[in-house]
Amino acid sequence: MTTVASLSGRHILLVEDDFIIALDQAAMLEEAGARVVGPAPTVAAALDLVARSEHLDGAVLDVNLRGETSYPVADALRTRSVPFVFLTGYDPSIIAADYADAPVCEKPLDLQRVARGIFG
């Protein structure tokens, strides 16, 4: 069974547009031992981090980023075979059909669900 401990030492990209929420999520991930890459508040910033990061073990993607969706980031991660979870404060049914196979976690961040979603 995947536990929060599976986050320890892992490089996790965090994509979240709300500054306060991003700080809280980053702190939670770091307390679990993760090495947070980001947080990135926009699609452009997230894509830049993906391109510049040699190693990513997983990612947590807020679905809605200032009126944009994080789907381009998900596509870039898929290209690199980096597992990710979508995180949303909305109903999970808003996820586009192209991403129906991606794990979805509802806000607030639950590290157990995130770890299970990323690492199985």
PDB file of N, CA and C in Angstrom:
ATOM      1  N   MET A   1       0.838  -1.186   0.000  1.00  0.00           N
ATOM      2  CA  MET A   1       0.000   0.000   0.000  1.00  0.00           C
ATOM      3  C   MET A   1       0.881   1.246   0.000  1.00  0.00           C
ATOM      4  N   THR A   2       0.553   2.198  -0.846  1.00  0.00           N
ATOM      5  CA  THR A   2       1.302   3.444  -0.931  1.00  0.00           C
ATOM      6  C   THR A   2       0.944   4.330   0.252  1.00  0.00           C
ATOM      7  N   THR A   3       1.972   4.881   0.894  1.00  0.00           N
ATOM      8  CA  THR A   3       1.756   5.744   2.051  1.00  0.00           C
ATOM      9  C   THR A   3       2.382   7.107   1.803  1.00  0.00           C
ATOM     10  N   VAL A   4       2.126   8.024   2.717  1.00  0.00           N
ATOM     11  CA  VAL A   4       2.718   9.357   2.654  1.00  0.00           C
ATOM     12  C   VAL A   4       4.238   9.258   2.623  1.00  0.00           C
ATOM     13  N   ALA A   5       4.797   8.250   3.274  1.00  0.00           N
ATOM     14  CA  ALA A   5       6.254   8.073   3.303  1.00  0.00           C
ATOM     15  C   ALA A   5       6.840   7.911   1.904  1.00  0.00           C
ATOM     16  N   SER A   6       6.020   7.483   0.943  1.00  0.00           N
ATOM     17  CA  SER A   6       6.526   7.314  -0.422  1.00  0.00           C
ATOM     18  C   SER A   6       6.872   8.650  -1.075  1.00  0.00           C
ATOM     19  N   LEU A   7       6.454   9.754  -0.479  1.00  0.00           N
ATOM     20  CA  LEU A   7       6.801  11.082  -0.991  1.00  0.00           C
ATOM     21  C   LEU A   7       8.212  11.502  -0.591  1.00  0.00           C
ATOM     22  N   SER A   8       8.750  10.877   0.435  1.00  0.00           N
ATOM     23  CA  SER A   8      10.050  11.277   0.972  1.00  0.00           C
ATOM     24  C   SER A   8      11.161  11.168  -0.068  1.00  0.00           C
ATOM     25  N   GLY A   9      11.875  12.274  -0.244  1.00  0.00           N
ATOM     26  CA  GLY A   9      12.992  12.316  -1.175  1.00  0.00           C
ATOM     27  C   GLY A   9      12.592  12.464  -2.631  1.00  0.00           C
ATOM     28  N   ARG A  10      11.307  12.505  -2.906  1.00  0.00           N
ATOM     29  CA  ARG A  10      10.823  12.592  -4.289  1.00  0.00           C
ATOM     30  C   ARG A  10      10.706  14.053  -4.724  1.00  0.00           C
ATOM     31  N   HIS A  11      11.026  14.315  -5.970  1.00  0.00           N
ATOM     32  CA  HIS A  11      10.889  15.645  -6.564  1.00  0.00           C
ATOM     33  C   HIS A  11       9.470  15.772  -7.114  1.00  0.00           C
ATOM     34  N   ILE A  12       8.683  16.637  -6.477  1.00  0.00           N
ATOM     35  CA  ILE A  12       7.273  16.783  -6.821  1.00  0.00           C
ATOM     36  C   ILE A  12       7.011  18.196  -7.340  1.00  0.00           C
ATOM     37  N   LEU A  13       6.565  18.280  -8.579  1.00  0.00           N
ATOM     38  CA  LEU A  13       6.169  19.563  -9.156  1.00  0.00           C
ATOM     39  C   LEU A  13       4.822  19.953  -8.567  1.00  0.00           C
ATOM     40  N   LEU A  14       4.734  21.185  -8.073  1.00  0.00           N
ATOM     41  CA  LEU A  14       3.492  21.700  -7.513  1.00  0.00           C
ATOM     42  C   LEU A  14       3.012  22.853  -8.387  1.00  0.00           C
ATOM     43  N   VAL A  15       1.800  22.722  -8.904  1.00  0.00           N
ATOM     44  CA  VAL A  15       1.208  23.743  -9.767  1.00  0.00           C
ATOM     45  C   VAL A  15      -0.090  24.206  -9.110  1.00  0.00           C
ATOM     46  N   GLU A  16      -0.077  25.441  -8.608  1.00  0.00           N
ATOM     47  CA  GLU A  16      -1.210  26.004  -7.864  1.00  0.00           C
ATOM     48  C   GLU A  16      -1.157  27.515  -8.012  1.00  0.00           C
ATOM     49  N   ASP A  17      -2.286  28.124  -8.394  1.00  0.00           N
ATOM     50  CA  ASP A  17      -2.290  29.559  -8.650  1.00  0.00           C
ATOM     51  C   ASP A  17      -2.596  30.423  -7.438  1.00  0.00           C
ATOM     52  N   ASP A  18      -3.166  29.872  -6.400  1.00  0.00           N
ATOM     53  CA  ASP A  18      -3.461  30.646  -5.195  1.00  0.00           C
ATOM     54  C   ASP A  18      -2.236  30.616  -4.280  1.00  0.00           C
ATOM     55  N   PHE A  19      -1.650  31.783  -4.044  1.00  0.00           N
ATOM     56  CA  PHE A  19      -0.384  31.878  -3.320  1.00  0.00           C
ATOM     57  C   PHE A  19      -0.441  31.239  -1.932  1.00  0.00           C
ATOM     58  N   ILE A  20      -1.458  31.558  -1.171  1.00  0.00           N
ATOM     59  CA  ILE A  20      -1.562  31.032   0.198  1.00  0.00           C
ATOM     60  C   ILE A  20      -1.749  29.516   0.179  1.00  0.00           C
ATOM     61  N   ILE A  21      -2.606  29.034  -0.700  1.00  0.00           N
ATOM     62  CA  ILE A  21      -2.820  27.589  -0.813  1.00  0.00           C
ATOM     63  C   ILE A  21      -1.535  26.904  -1.253  1.00  0.00           C
ATOM     64  N   ALA A  22      -0.822  27.512  -2.202  1.00  0.00           N
ATOM     65  CA  ALA A  22       0.437  26.932  -2.684  1.00  0.00           C
ATOM     66  C   ALA A  22       1.460  26.825  -1.561  1.00  0.00           C
ATOM     67  N   LEU A  23       1.559  27.863  -0.736  1.00  0.00           N
ATOM     68  CA  LEU A  23       2.499  27.812   0.394  1.00  0.00           C
ATOM     69  C   LEU A  23       2.134  26.690   1.356  1.00  0.00           C
ATOM     70  N   ASP A  24       0.842  26.554   1.638  1.00  0.00           N
ATOM     71  CA  ASP A  24       0.374  25.510   2.545  1.00  0.00           C
ATOM     72  C   ASP A  24       0.646  24.118   1.968  1.00  0.00           C
ATOM     73  N   GLN A  25       0.343  23.934   0.689  1.00  0.00           N
ATOM     74  CA  GLN A  25       0.571  22.637   0.051  1.00  0.00           C
ATOM     75  C   GLN A  25       2.059  22.302  -0.002  1.00  0.00           C
ATOM     76  N   ALA A  26       2.879  23.294  -0.324  1.00  0.00           N
ATOM     77  CA  ALA A  26       4.328  23.072  -0.376  1.00  0.00           C
ATOM     78  C   ALA A  26       4.849  22.669   0.995  1.00  0.00           C
ATOM     79  N   ALA A  27       4.371  23.341   2.036  1.00  0.00           N
ATOM     80  CA  ALA A  27       4.805  23.010   3.397  1.00  0.00           C
ATOM     81  C   ALA A  27       4.405  21.582   3.761  1.00  0.00           C
ATOM     82  N   MET A  28       3.199  21.183   3.397  1.00  0.00           N
ATOM     83  CA  MET A  28       2.745  19.821   3.694  1.00  0.00           C
ATOM     84  C   MET A  28       3.610  18.787   2.973  1.00  0.00           C
ATOM     85  N   LEU A  29       3.883  19.032   1.700  1.00  0.00           N
ATOM     86  CA  LEU A  29       4.716  18.103   0.931  1.00  0.00           C
ATOM     87  C   LEU A  29       6.125  18.028   1.505  1.00  0.00           C
ATOM     88  N   GLU A  30       6.674  19.187   1.872  1.00  0.00           N
ATOM     89  CA  GLU A  30       8.023  19.214   2.443  1.00  0.00           C
ATOM     90  C   GLU A  30       8.069  18.501   3.793  1.00  0.00           C
ATOM     91  N   GLU A  31       7.033  18.664   4.603  1.00  0.00           N
ATOM     92  CA  GLU A  31       6.978  17.966   5.891  1.00  0.00           C
ATOM     93  C   GLU A  31       6.952  16.456   5.694  1.00  0.00           C
ATOM     94  N   ALA A  32       6.418  16.011   4.564  1.00  0.00           N
ATOM     95  CA  ALA A  32       6.394  14.578   4.244  1.00  0.00           C
ATOM     96  C   ALA A  32       7.713  14.125   3.630  1.00  0.00           C
ATOM     97  N   GLY A  33       8.646  15.072   3.466  1.00  0.00           N
ATOM     98  CA  GLY A  33       9.966  14.729   2.946  1.00  0.00           C
ATOM     99  C   GLY A  33      10.148  14.951   1.460  1.00  0.00           C
ATOM    100  N   ALA A  34       9.110  15.448   0.790  1.00  0.00           N
ATOM    101  CA  ALA A  34       9.213  15.702  -0.652  1.00  0.00           C
ATOM    102  C   ALA A  34      10.081  16.921  -0.914  1.00  0.00           C
ATOM    103  N   ARG A  35      10.674  16.927  -2.083  1.00  0.00           N
ATOM    104  CA  ARG A  35      11.417  18.090  -2.566  1.00  0.00           C
ATOM    105  C   ARG A  35      10.512  18.780  -3.578  1.00  0.00           C
ATOM    106  N   VAL A  36       9.965  19.904  -3.177  1.00  0.00           N
ATOM    107  CA  VAL A  36       8.973  20.592  -3.999  1.00  0.00           C
ATOM    108  C   VAL A  36       9.653  21.387  -5.106  1.00  0.00           C
ATOM    109  N   VAL A  37       9.196  21.168  -6.316  1.00  0.00           N
ATOM    110  CA  VAL A  37       9.620  21.948  -7.476  1.00  0.00           C
ATOM    111  C   VAL A  37       8.479  22.927  -7.733  1.00  0.00           C
ATOM    112  N   GLY A  38       8.751  24.216  -7.594  1.00  0.00           N
ATOM    113  CA  GLY A  38       7.717  25.238  -7.692  1.00  0.00           C
ATOM    114  C   GLY A  38       7.474  25.839  -6.323  1.00  0.00           C
ATOM    115  N   PRO A  39       6.287  26.271  -6.068  1.00  0.00           N
ATOM    116  CA  PRO A  39       5.076  26.107  -6.858  1.00  0.00           C
ATOM    117  C   PRO A  39       5.028  27.041  -8.070  1.00  0.00           C
ATOM    118  N   ALA A  40       4.351  26.582  -9.093  1.00  0.00           N
ATOM    119  CA  ALA A  40       4.155  27.351 -10.319  1.00  0.00           C
ATOM    120  C   ALA A  40       2.705  27.832 -10.354  1.00  0.00           C
ATOM    121  N   PRO A  41       2.485  29.144 -10.519  1.00  0.00           N
ATOM    122  CA  PRO A  41       1.121  29.674 -10.497  1.00  0.00           C
ATOM    123  C   PRO A  41       0.422  29.717 -11.852  1.00  0.00           C
ATOM    124  N   THR A  42       1.162  29.491 -12.926  1.00  0.00           N
ATOM    125  CA  THR A  42       0.582  29.580 -14.270  1.00  0.00           C
ATOM    126  C   THR A  42       1.036  28.398 -15.118  1.00  0.00           C
ATOM    127  N   VAL A  43       0.340  28.195 -16.215  1.00  0.00           N
ATOM    128  CA  VAL A  43       0.733  27.138 -17.152  1.00  0.00           C
ATOM    129  C   VAL A  43       2.133  27.414 -17.681  1.00  0.00           C
ATOM    130  N   ALA A  44       2.405  28.663 -18.056  1.00  0.00           N
ATOM    131  CA  ALA A  44       3.724  29.008 -18.607  1.00  0.00           C
ATOM    132  C   ALA A  44       4.836  28.731 -17.605  1.00  0.00           C
ATOM    133  N   ALA A  45       4.627  29.113 -16.352  1.00  0.00           N
ATOM    134  CA  ALA A  45       5.642  28.876 -15.323  1.00  0.00           C
ATOM    135  C   ALA A  45       5.838  27.382 -15.092  1.00  0.00           C
ATOM    136  N   ALA A  46       4.752  26.636 -15.098  1.00  0.00           N
ATOM    137  CA  ALA A  46       4.847  25.187 -14.888  1.00  0.00           C
ATOM    138  C   ALA A  46       5.576  24.512 -16.043  1.00  0.00           C
ATOM    139  N   LEU A  47       5.251  24.904 -17.271  1.00  0.00           N
ATOM    140  CA  LEU A  47       5.931  24.321 -18.430  1.00  0.00           C
ATOM    141  C   LEU A  47       7.421  24.640 -18.411  1.00  0.00           C
ATOM    142  N   ASP A  48       7.769  25.838 -17.947  1.00  0.00           N
ATOM    143  CA  ASP A  48       9.178  26.209 -17.821  1.00  0.00           C
ATOM    144  C   ASP A  48       9.876  25.309 -16.805  1.00  0.00           C
ATOM    145  N   LEU A  49       9.226  25.058 -15.673  1.00  0.00           N
ATOM    146  CA  LEU A  49       9.818  24.179 -14.661  1.00  0.00           C
ATOM    147  C   LEU A  49       9.967  22.755 -15.182  1.00  0.00           C
ATOM    148  N   VAL A  50       8.983  22.272 -15.912  1.00  0.00           N
ATOM    149  CA  VAL A  50       9.074  20.925 -16.487  1.00  0.00           C
ATOM    150  C   VAL A  50      10.261  20.861 -17.438  1.00  0.00           C
ATOM    151  N   ALA A  51      10.403  21.871 -18.277  1.00  0.00           N
ATOM    152  CA  ALA A  51      11.492  21.886 -19.262  1.00  0.00           C
ATOM    153  C   ALA A  51      12.865  21.982 -18.601  1.00  0.00           C
ATOM    154  N   ARG A  52      12.954  22.729 -17.493  1.00  0.00           N
ATOM    155  CA  ARG A  52      14.251  22.944 -16.840  1.00  0.00           C
ATOM    156  C   ARG A  52      14.612  21.869 -15.818  1.00  0.00           C
ATOM    157  N   SER A  53      13.654  21.066 -15.420  1.00  0.00           N
ATOM    158  CA  SER A  53      13.900  20.063 -14.379  1.00  0.00           C
ATOM    159  C   SER A  53      14.425  18.779 -14.996  1.00  0.00           C
ATOM    160  N   GLU A  54      15.606  18.391 -14.567  1.00  0.00           N
ATOM    161  CA  GLU A  54      16.179  17.134 -15.055  1.00  0.00           C
ATOM    162  C   GLU A  54      15.421  15.933 -14.523  1.00  0.00           C
ATOM    163  N   HIS A  55      14.921  16.063 -13.297  1.00  0.00           N
ATOM    164  CA  HIS A  55      14.294  14.913 -12.657  1.00  0.00           C
ATOM    165  C   HIS A  55      13.014  15.338 -11.940  1.00  0.00           C
ATOM    166  N   LEU A  56      11.918  14.735 -12.311  1.00  0.00           N
ATOM    167  CA  LEU A  56      10.650  14.896 -11.607  1.00  0.00           C
ATOM    168  C   LEU A  56      10.091  13.507 -11.340  1.00  0.00           C
ATOM    169  N   ASP A  57       9.687  13.272 -10.102  1.00  0.00           N
ATOM    170  CA  ASP A  57       9.095  11.979  -9.748  1.00  0.00           C
ATOM    171  C   ASP A  57       7.579  11.985  -9.851  1.00  0.00           C
ATOM    172  N   GLY A  58       6.992  13.162  -9.779  1.00  0.00           N
ATOM    173  CA  GLY A  58       5.546  13.270  -9.818  1.00  0.00           C
ATOM    174  C   GLY A  58       5.130  14.723  -9.786  1.00  0.00           C
ATOM    175  N   ALA A  59       3.821  14.945  -9.885  1.00  0.00           N
ATOM    176  CA  ALA A  59       3.313  16.315  -9.894  1.00  0.00           C
ATOM    177  C   ALA A  59       1.902  16.375  -9.332  1.00  0.00           C
ATOM    178  N   VAL A  60       1.607  17.524  -8.733  1.00  0.00           N
ATOM    179  CA  VAL A  60       0.273  17.848  -8.251  1.00  0.00           C
ATOM    180  C   VAL A  60      -0.171  19.070  -9.044  1.00  0.00           C
ATOM    181  N   LEU A  61      -1.237  18.915  -9.832  1.00  0.00           N
ATOM    182  CA  LEU A  61      -1.681  19.968 -10.739  1.00  0.00           C
ATOM    183  C   LEU A  61      -3.063  20.478 -10.366  1.00  0.00           C
ATOM    184  N   ASP A  62      -3.147  21.739  -9.954  1.00  0.00           N
ATOM    185  CA  ASP A  62      -4.453  22.370  -9.823  1.00  0.00           C
ATOM    186  C   ASP A  62      -5.032  22.440 -11.235  1.00  0.00           C
ATOM    187  N   VAL A  63      -6.285  22.092 -11.393  1.00  0.00           N
ATOM    188  CA  VAL A  63      -6.883  22.041 -12.729  1.00  0.00           C
ATOM    189  C   VAL A  63      -7.056  23.444 -13.309  1.00  0.00           C
ATOM    190  N   ASN A  64      -7.577  24.367 -12.508  1.00  0.00           N
ATOM    191  CA  ASN A  64      -7.887  25.710 -12.987  1.00  0.00           C
ATOM    192  C   ASN A  64      -6.824  26.688 -12.505  1.00  0.00           C
ATOM    193  N   LEU A  65      -6.096  27.266 -13.458  1.00  0.00           N
ATOM    194  CA  LEU A  65      -5.022  28.210 -13.147  1.00  0.00           C
ATOM    195  C   LEU A  65      -5.322  29.560 -13.785  1.00  0.00           C
ATOM    196  N   ARG A  66      -5.942  30.430 -13.017  1.00  0.00           N
ATOM    197  CA  ARG A  66      -6.223  31.786 -13.505  1.00  0.00           C
ATOM    198  C   ARG A  66      -6.931  31.774 -14.859  1.00  0.00           C
ATOM    199  N   GLY A  67      -7.940  30.945 -14.964  1.00  0.00           N
ATOM    200  CA  GLY A  67      -8.728  30.887 -16.184  1.00  0.00           C
ATOM    201  C   GLY A  67      -8.204  29.934 -17.243  1.00  0.00           C
ATOM    202  N   GLU A  68      -7.050  29.345 -17.015  1.00  0.00           N
ATOM    203  CA  GLU A  68      -6.497  28.337 -17.924  1.00  0.00           C
ATOM    204  C   GLU A  68      -6.597  26.980 -17.244  1.00  0.00           C
ATOM    205  N   THR A  69      -6.560  25.930 -18.038  1.00  0.00           N
ATOM    206  CA  THR A  69      -6.475  24.601 -17.439  1.00  0.00           C
ATOM    207  C   THR A  69      -5.021  24.152 -17.447  1.00  0.00           C
ATOM    208  N   SER A  70      -4.702  23.234 -16.579  1.00  0.00           N
ATOM    209  CA  SER A  70      -3.331  22.714 -16.490  1.00  0.00           C
ATOM    210  C   SER A  70      -3.094  21.557 -17.463  1.00  0.00           C
ATOM    211  N   TYR A  71      -3.997  21.334 -18.401  1.00  0.00           N
ATOM    212  CA  TYR A  71      -3.847  20.223 -19.342  1.00  0.00           C
ATOM    213  C   TYR A  71      -2.555  20.271 -20.155  1.00  0.00           C
ATOM    214  N   PRO A  72      -2.077  21.443 -20.602  1.00  0.00           N
ATOM    215  CA  PRO A  72      -0.787  21.446 -21.308  1.00  0.00           C
ATOM    216  C   PRO A  72       0.368  20.940 -20.433  1.00  0.00           C
ATOM    217  N   VAL A  73       0.285  21.202 -19.138  1.00  0.00           N
ATOM    218  CA  VAL A  73       1.310  20.709 -18.209  1.00  0.00           C
ATOM    219  C   VAL A  73       1.190  19.192 -18.098  1.00  0.00           C
ATOM    220  N   ALA A  74      -0.040  18.701 -17.989  1.00  0.00           N
ATOM    221  CA  ALA A  74      -0.263  17.250 -17.938  1.00  0.00           C
ATOM    222  C   ALA A  74       0.296  16.579 -19.186  1.00  0.00           C
ATOM    223  N   ASP A  75       0.094  17.206 -20.340  1.00  0.00           N
ATOM    224  CA  ASP A  75       0.621  16.644 -21.588  1.00  0.00           C
ATOM    225  C   ASP A  75       2.148  16.581 -21.570  1.00  0.00           C
ATOM    226  N   ALA A  76       2.776  17.652 -21.088  1.00  0.00           N
ATOM    227  CA  ALA A  76       4.241  17.679 -21.011  1.00  0.00           C
ATOM    228  C   ALA A  76       4.753  16.610 -20.055  1.00  0.00           C
ATOM    229  N   LEU A  77       4.039  16.402 -18.956  1.00  0.00           N
ATOM    230  CA  LEU A  77       4.441  15.372 -17.995  1.00  0.00           C
ATOM    231  C   LEU A  77       4.258  13.979 -18.587  1.00  0.00           C
ATOM    232  N   ARG A  78       3.164  13.771 -19.291  1.00  0.00           N
ATOM    233  CA  ARG A  78       2.942  12.470 -19.939  1.00  0.00           C
ATOM    234  C   ARG A  78       4.054  12.156 -20.929  1.00  0.00           C
ATOM    235  N   THR A  79       4.490  13.164 -21.675  1.00  0.00           N
ATOM    236  CA  THR A  79       5.576  12.979 -22.641  1.00  0.00           C
ATOM    237  C   THR A  79       6.836  12.477 -21.955  1.00  0.00           C
ATOM    238  N   ARG A  80       7.046  12.921 -20.714  1.00  0.00           N
ATOM    239  CA  ARG A  80       8.226  12.512 -19.947  1.00  0.00           C
ATOM    240  C   ARG A  80       7.947  11.317 -19.031  1.00  0.00           C
ATOM    241  N   SER A  81       6.760  10.763 -19.117  1.00  0.00           N
ATOM    242  CA  SER A  81       6.342   9.633 -18.265  1.00  0.00           C
ATOM    243  C   SER A  81       6.413   9.968 -16.779  1.00  0.00           C
ATOM    244  N   VAL A  82       6.035  11.202 -16.448  1.00  0.00           N
ATOM    245  CA  VAL A  82       5.993  11.637 -15.049  1.00  0.00           C
ATOM    246  C   VAL A  82       4.549  11.512 -14.570  1.00  0.00           C
ATOM    247  N   PRO A  83       4.299  10.722 -13.529  1.00  0.00           N
ATOM    248  CA  PRO A  83       2.933  10.580 -13.025  1.00  0.00           C
ATOM    249  C   PRO A  83       2.464  11.858 -12.327  1.00  0.00           C
ATOM    250  N   PHE A  84       1.171  12.096 -12.374  1.00  0.00           N
ATOM    251  CA  PHE A  84       0.619  13.304 -11.763  1.00  0.00           C
ATOM    252  C   PHE A  84      -0.787  13.031 -11.266  1.00  0.00           C
ATOM    253  N   VAL A  85      -1.246  13.922 -10.398  1.00  0.00           N
ATOM    254  CA  VAL A  85      -2.642  13.939  -9.978  1.00  0.00           C
ATOM    255  C   VAL A  85      -3.180  15.336 -10.239  1.00  0.00           C
ATOM    256  N   PHE A  86      -4.437  15.393 -10.608  1.00  0.00           N
ATOM    257  CA  PHE A  86      -5.131  16.665 -10.677  1.00  0.00           C
ATOM    258  C   PHE A  86      -5.702  16.945  -9.299  1.00  0.00           C
ATOM    259  N   LEU A  87      -5.627  18.197  -8.887  1.00  0.00           N
ATOM    260  CA  LEU A  87      -6.197  18.640  -7.624  1.00  0.00           C
ATOM    261  C   LEU A  87      -7.219  19.715  -7.962  1.00  0.00           C
ATOM    262  N   THR A  88      -8.420  19.588  -7.436  1.00  0.00           N
ATOM    263  CA  THR A  88      -9.451  20.563  -7.774  1.00  0.00           C
ATOM    264  C   THR A  88     -10.371  20.837  -6.596  1.00  0.00           C
ATOM    265  N   GLY A  89     -10.850  22.058  -6.565  1.00  0.00           N
ATOM    266  CA  GLY A  89     -11.862  22.439  -5.597  1.00  0.00           C
ATOM    267  C   GLY A  89     -13.253  22.300  -6.186  1.00  0.00           C
ATOM    268  N   TYR A  90     -13.312  21.914  -7.450  1.00  0.00           N
ATOM    269  CA  TYR A  90     -14.576  21.726  -8.156  1.00  0.00           C
ATOM    270  C   TYR A  90     -14.921  20.243  -8.193  1.00  0.00           C
ATOM    271  N   ASP A  91     -16.077  19.943  -8.726  1.00  0.00           N
ATOM    272  CA  ASP A  91     -16.479  18.555  -8.892  1.00  0.00           C
ATOM    273  C   ASP A  91     -15.504  17.864  -9.849  1.00  0.00           C
ATOM    274  N   PRO A  92     -15.037  16.676  -9.510  1.00  0.00           N
ATOM    275  CA  PRO A  92     -14.081  15.973 -10.373  1.00  0.00           C
ATOM    276  C   PRO A  92     -14.578  15.725 -11.797  1.00  0.00           C
ATOM    277  N   SER A  93     -15.873  15.826 -12.011  1.00  0.00           N
ATOM    278  CA  SER A  93     -16.420  15.595 -13.349  1.00  0.00           C
ATOM    279  C   SER A  93     -16.019  16.686 -14.342  1.00  0.00           C
ATOM    280  N   ILE A  94     -15.399  17.776 -13.868  1.00  0.00           N
ATOM    281  CA  ILE A  94     -14.970  18.838 -14.782  1.00  0.00           C
ATOM    282  C   ILE A  94     -13.739  18.438 -15.595  1.00  0.00           C
ATOM    283  N   ILE A  95     -13.068  17.369 -15.193  1.00  0.00           N
ATOM    284  CA  ILE A  95     -11.856  16.935 -15.896  1.00  0.00           C
ATOM    285  C   ILE A  95     -12.232  16.503 -17.317  1.00  0.00           C
ATOM    286  N   ALA A  96     -11.487  17.010 -18.288  1.00  0.00           N
ATOM    287  CA  ALA A  96     -11.749  16.688 -19.694  1.00  0.00           C
ATOM    288  C   ALA A  96     -11.603  15.185 -19.940  1.00  0.00           C
ATOM    289  N   ALA A  97     -12.365  14.683 -20.892  1.00  0.00           N
ATOM    290  CA  ALA A  97     -12.379  13.246 -21.199  1.00  0.00           C
ATOM    291  C   ALA A  97     -10.996  12.707 -21.557  1.00  0.00           C
ATOM    292  N   ASP A  98     -10.158  13.529 -22.172  1.00  0.00           N
ATOM    293  CA  ASP A  98      -8.800  13.090 -22.529  1.00  0.00           C
ATOM    294  C   ASP A  98      -7.962  12.714 -21.308  1.00  0.00           C
ATOM    295  N   TYR A  99      -8.397  13.146 -20.136  1.00  0.00           N
ATOM    296  CA  TYR A  99      -7.634  12.904 -18.908  1.00  0.00           C
ATOM    297  C   TYR A  99      -8.420  12.042 -17.920  1.00  0.00           C
ATOM    298  N   ALA A 100      -9.397  11.321 -18.425  1.00  0.00           N
ATOM    299  CA  ALA A 100     -10.250  10.495 -17.567  1.00  0.00           C
ATOM    300  C   ALA A 100      -9.459   9.436 -16.809  1.00  0.00           C
ATOM    301  N   ASP A 101      -8.294   9.050 -17.333  1.00  0.00           N
ATOM    302  CA  ASP A 101      -7.480   8.034 -16.667  1.00  0.00           C
ATOM    303  C   ASP A 101      -6.571   8.617 -15.585  1.00  0.00           C
ATOM    304  N   ALA A 102      -6.516   9.939 -15.482  1.00  0.00           N
ATOM    305  CA  ALA A 102      -5.643  10.582 -14.493  1.00  0.00           C
ATOM    306  C   ALA A 102      -6.320  10.607 -13.124  1.00  0.00           C
ATOM    307  N   PRO A 103      -5.549  10.361 -12.069  1.00  0.00           N
ATOM    308  CA  PRO A 103      -6.118  10.444 -10.727  1.00  0.00           C
ATOM    309  C   PRO A 103      -6.542  11.879 -10.403  1.00  0.00           C
ATOM    310  N   VAL A 104      -7.642  12.011  -9.685  1.00  0.00           N
ATOM    311  CA  VAL A 104      -8.150  13.322  -9.285  1.00  0.00           C
ATOM    312  C   VAL A 104      -8.337  13.320  -7.779  1.00  0.00           C
ATOM    313  N   CYS A 105      -7.812  14.342  -7.129  1.00  0.00           N
ATOM    314  CA  CYS A 105      -7.998  14.532  -5.693  1.00  0.00           C
ATOM    315  C   CYS A 105      -8.730  15.852  -5.496  1.00  0.00           C
ATOM    316  N   GLU A 106      -9.643  15.861  -4.560  1.00  0.00           N
ATOM    317  CA  GLU A 106     -10.362  17.091  -4.255  1.00  0.00           C
ATOM    318  C   GLU A 106      -9.605  17.868  -3.193  1.00  0.00           C
ATOM    319  N   LYS A 107      -9.679  19.208  -3.312  1.00  0.00           N
ATOM    320  CA  LYS A 107      -9.089  20.062  -2.288  1.00  0.00           C
ATOM    321  C   LYS A 107      -9.937  19.946  -1.042  1.00  0.00           C
ATOM    322  N   PRO A 108      -9.351  20.077   0.131  1.00  0.00           N
ATOM    323  CA  PRO A 108      -7.948  20.401   0.388  1.00  0.00           C
ATOM    324  C   PRO A 108      -7.030  19.201   0.151  1.00  0.00           C
ATOM    325  N   LEU A 109      -5.754  19.509   0.017  1.00  0.00           N
ATOM    326  CA  LEU A 109      -4.738  18.494  -0.250  1.00  0.00           C
ATOM    327  C   LEU A 109      -4.745  17.411   0.823  1.00  0.00           C
ATOM    328  N   ASP A 110      -4.811  16.176   0.387  1.00  0.00           N
ATOM    329  CA  ASP A 110      -4.717  15.014   1.266  1.00  0.00           C
ATOM    330  C   ASP A 110      -3.494  14.231   0.806  1.00  0.00           C
ATOM    331  N   LEU A 111      -2.435  14.253   1.601  1.00  0.00           N
ATOM    332  CA  LEU A 111      -1.170  13.645   1.188  1.00  0.00           C
ATOM    333  C   LEU A 111      -1.297  12.157   0.894  1.00  0.00           C
ATOM    334  N   GLN A 112      -2.108  11.449   1.648  1.00  0.00           N
ATOM    335  CA  GLN A 112      -2.292  10.018   1.414  1.00  0.00           C
ATOM    336  C   GLN A 112      -2.876   9.776   0.021  1.00  0.00           C
ATOM    337  N   ARG A 113      -3.904  10.533  -0.325  1.00  0.00           N
ATOM    338  CA  ARG A 113      -4.524  10.374  -1.646  1.00  0.00           C
ATOM    339  C   ARG A 113      -3.582  10.801  -2.767  1.00  0.00           C
ATOM    340  N   VAL A 114      -2.823  11.869  -2.529  1.00  0.00           N
ATOM    341  CA  VAL A 114      -1.866  12.328  -3.536  1.00  0.00           C
ATOM    342  C   VAL A 114      -0.797  11.266  -3.760  1.00  0.00           C
ATOM    343  N   ALA A 115      -0.244  10.734  -2.681  1.00  0.00           N
ATOM    344  CA  ALA A 115       0.791   9.694  -2.800  1.00  0.00           C
ATOM    345  C   ALA A 115       0.244   8.481  -3.540  1.00  0.00           C
ATOM    346  N   ARG A 116      -0.967   8.067  -3.203  1.00  0.00           N
ATOM    347  CA  ARG A 116      -1.587   6.922  -3.864  1.00  0.00           C
ATOM    348  C   ARG A 116      -1.847   7.228  -5.339  1.00  0.00           C
ATOM    349  N   GLY A 117      -2.283   8.448  -5.629  1.00  0.00           N
ATOM    350  CA  GLY A 117      -2.564   8.825  -7.008  1.00  0.00           C
ATOM    351  C   GLY A 117      -1.318   8.876  -7.874  1.00  0.00           C
ATOM    352  N   ILE A 118      -0.218   9.356  -7.311  1.00  0.00           N
ATOM    353  CA  ILE A 118       1.024   9.476  -8.081  1.00  0.00           C
ATOM    354  C   ILE A 118       1.760   8.146  -8.176  1.00  0.00           C
ATOM    355  N   PHE A 119       1.897   7.475  -7.050  1.00  0.00           N
ATOM    356  CA  PHE A 119       2.769   6.300  -6.990  1.00  0.00           C
ATOM    357  C   PHE A 119       2.034   4.967  -6.911  1.00  0.00           C
ATOM    358  N   GLY A 120       0.702   5.022  -6.961  1.00  0.00           N
ATOM    359  CA  GLY A 120      -0.056   3.778  -6.979  1.00  0.00           C
ATOM    360  C   GLY A 120      -0.294   3.263  -5.637  1.00  0.00           C
TER     361      GLY A 120
END
